[in-house]
Amino acid sequence: MKDVLTDLGYKVYLAEDGEKTFQMFKKYQKEISLVILDLELSKMDGYKVCEKIKKSQKTNNVFLSVDTAPNKFMKILF
């Protein structure tokens, strides 16, 4: 997915766990327009990361949250 988004001209930030994802979001939130999360992130799951981002952000954003497990898919729009 990273390669596809980069090829389309998007800047992509990657984090290895939920805590680092949220730290990275806080650092670059003015540049970020979409967050793609795995619901089963380590250290802080995708639901918690999404909740923290929603609380810290004053404007509306779209978050697409995906899980690596089969048959699980969830879109979160706010």
Protein backbone atom coordinates (compact mmCIF):
# COMPACT_ATOMS: atom_id res chain seq x y z
CA MET A 1 0.00 0.00 0.00
CA LYS A 2 2.86 2.38 0.81
CA ASP A 3 4.33 2.01 -2.68
CA VAL A 4 0.98 2.66 -4.36
CA LEU A 5 0.30 5.79 -2.29
CA THR A 6 3.84 7.08 -2.80
CA ASP A 7 3.58 6.49 -6.55
CA LEU A 8 0.37 8.54 -6.50
CA GLY A 9 2.27 11.44 -4.94
CA TYR A 10 1.28 11.03 -1.30
CA LYS A 11 3.75 11.36 1.55
CA VAL A 12 3.48 8.23 3.69
CA TYR A 13 4.44 7.92 7.35
CA LEU A 14 4.78 4.44 8.85
CA ALA A 15 4.83 3.43 12.50
CA GLU A 16 5.45 0.01 14.01
CA ASP A 17 2.92 0.20 16.86
CA GLY A 18 -0.03 2.21 18.13
CA GLU A 19 1.94 4.42 20.52
CA LYS A 20 4.39 5.45 17.81
CA THR A 21 1.48 6.00 15.42
CA PHE A 22 -0.12 8.49 17.80
CA GLN A 23 3.21 10.24 18.49
CA MET A 24 3.80 10.54 14.76
CA PHE A 25 0.28 11.86 14.21
CA LYS A 26 0.81 14.58 16.84
CA LYS A 27 4.09 15.58 15.22
CA TYR A 28 2.78 15.70 11.63
CA GLN A 29 -0.97 16.25 12.07
CA LYS A 30 -1.02 19.42 9.94
CA GLU A 31 0.34 17.40 7.01
CA ILE A 32 -1.85 14.31 7.49
CA SER A 33 -5.22 14.04 5.75
CA LEU A 34 -5.81 10.28 6.10
CA VAL A 35 -4.81 7.74 8.72
CA ILE A 36 -4.93 4.04 7.87
CA LEU A 37 -4.80 1.88 10.99
CA ASP A 38 -4.62 -1.81 11.73
CA LEU A 39 -7.11 -2.53 14.50
CA GLU A 40 -4.70 -4.99 16.11
CA LEU A 41 -1.66 -2.72 16.55
CA SER A 42 0.67 -3.58 19.41
CA LYS A 43 1.10 -1.36 22.51
CA MET A 44 -2.13 0.54 21.65
CA ASP A 45 -4.77 -0.92 19.36
CA GLY A 46 -6.21 0.89 16.36
CA TYR A 47 -9.46 1.72 18.17
CA LYS A 48 -7.56 3.51 20.96
CA VAL A 49 -5.31 5.35 18.48
CA CYS A 50 -8.38 6.50 16.56
CA GLU A 51 -10.08 7.62 19.78
CA LYS A 52 -7.00 9.63 20.84
CA ILE A 53 -6.67 11.22 17.39
CA LYS A 54 -10.35 12.17 17.42
CA LYS A 55 -9.98 13.79 20.85
CA SER A 56 -6.85 15.71 19.87
CA GLN A 57 -8.11 16.96 16.51
CA LYS A 58 -10.44 19.97 16.24
CA THR A 59 -11.40 19.49 12.60
CA ASN A 60 -13.20 16.66 10.83
CA ASN A 61 -10.99 13.95 9.37
CA VAL A 62 -11.62 10.65 7.68
CA PHE A 63 -10.01 7.55 9.16
CA LEU A 64 -10.02 4.22 7.42
CA SER A 65 -9.31 1.42 9.82
CA VAL A 66 -8.44 -2.02 8.54
CA ASP A 67 -7.54 -5.23 10.26
CA THR A 68 -5.15 -7.78 8.86
CA ALA A 69 -7.42 -10.63 9.93
CA PRO A 70 -9.72 -11.98 7.20
CA ASN A 71 -13.34 -10.78 7.08
CA LYS A 72 -12.70 -7.74 9.27
CA PHE A 73 -13.07 -4.27 7.79
CA MET A 74 -14.26 -1.06 9.36
CA LYS A 75 -14.57 2.50 8.16
CA ILE A 76 -14.63 5.26 10.75
CA LEU A 77 -15.79 8.65 9.52
CA PHE A 78 -15.93 11.72 11.74
